[in-house]
Amino acid sequence: MPAREITKLTLYGDSISGNCQKPRWTADYLDIDHDWVEVDILNGGTQSEEFLSLNPVGQVPIARWPDGRVLPQSNAIMLYLAEGSDLIPESSFERAQMNSWLFWEQYSHETSIAVRRFKKHYLRLPDEEIDPQLMVKGRRALGVMNMQLTWSDWLVGESVTCADIALVAYTRVAHEGGFDVAEFPNVERWVSRVEGALSIGHAMPKEGVTL
């Protein structure tokens, strides 16, 4: 549980987005009371006047507190909610390792696996219209994870951390982008392990209030 009390917050996100699921899963895991507001990315929900008044960047997820504070960016929200909990390692070196994975996820994992998933699964683009380097880079990223998970059950330390939450978000749906996770058995087992730790299923249902 968090070391400090967090007053009830509202999370804004689109359930199809792995980034939006990160703070949601974190809040659920830590039993942090929150409301969910569904924002439809594909139909311009992040560009409405109401949403832009909350986040001028026009991106989800965001977290909003009753006192008016708003925090954007999935990993920033996740880390804030998890502060003082077992999702963040006590060891300063393991915390640095966790942060290393968070940076890597944003620059070397999401940029290929999430992007290819969006183009193939949601924009319905045929493979020949998708940059082939996305598959190359995505497979490389999965290979890096598979190697790391040869030696440990978790990306950092001996239990689930924010690093696992961040990386599982798009890895668990990588097949929607055409990636065969079965080719990376350590990753495949790890996905099941993290899903079990977080008590999440295979679907990303849309629920809650819609903006």
Foldseek 3Di string as FASTA:
>chain_A
DAPDADAEKEKEEALVALLSVLLVLLCLLVVNHYFYAHADVVVQSLPDPVNCVQPVVSDDIWMADPVGDIGHTSLVSSCVSCHRHPQADPDPVLNVLLVVLVVCCVPQACVQQVVLLCCCQPVVDDPVPDDPVSVVSNVVVLVVVLVCLVVALENTDPDHHSSLSSRLSRVLVSVSSVDDSVVRVSVVSSNVVVCVSSVHDSDRDDDGHYD
